Amino acid sequence: YLIPVDAPSRRLSGEDGYAKSAISEVSLSRLLASIPARSLMVVLDCCYAGSLASLRSEAVIEGTEGFTSEFVEALQHGVGNRAILAGANSHETAKEMSNARNGVFTQYLLQGLRGAGGGGSVFIDAFELYRYVHDGVTRLKLPTAQTPILKMNAENPNFFIAVRSVKFWKGD
């Protein structure tokens, strides 16, 4: 389950109120599978995000929840570009810094989307973004490890995510 940042606390809303604010992997998967875009990147900055990006399928692993077989199929064999960029592995927590507005992963993600990864093109592709975020987060001296992961099926190896900010553009 994903628990939104603004979910009511268990203590104040009780177990039912808390559970109603959660989003199951199956619900998320069905919502994502219904998006008709040819290119889709899902970014998860949450603890244990790698478990959501593990490409489980309820049809494949009976008795457990996971992404629906439709989304797994679209991600693994579908048309277009599909990717999941997760802020931490399935057994790791996503770190927050008390003096920062965003978590560690999101700080590097935002810088990477502006073009801080240093690629030579005006376009930022999924691999450049992932390398920048992964290298930045794993290089930090955190109390425990946090390792971003990327799961992707790309019909086109140029899976462009953003246009590089003028601040980082070194081209002609």
Foldseek 3Di string as FASTA:
>chain_A
DDADPPQDDCVVPNPVSRVVRDADQANVLVVVLPDPDLADEAEEQFFLQQQQVVLDACVRDPPDHHRHPSSSCCFAPNGHKYKYKYFFHNHGGFAADPPDPDTLLVVQLVCVQQPPLQDQDQFRAPVSSQVRSQVRQQPDPDPDGGGIDMRMDHPDPRRTDHGHHPVRHPYD
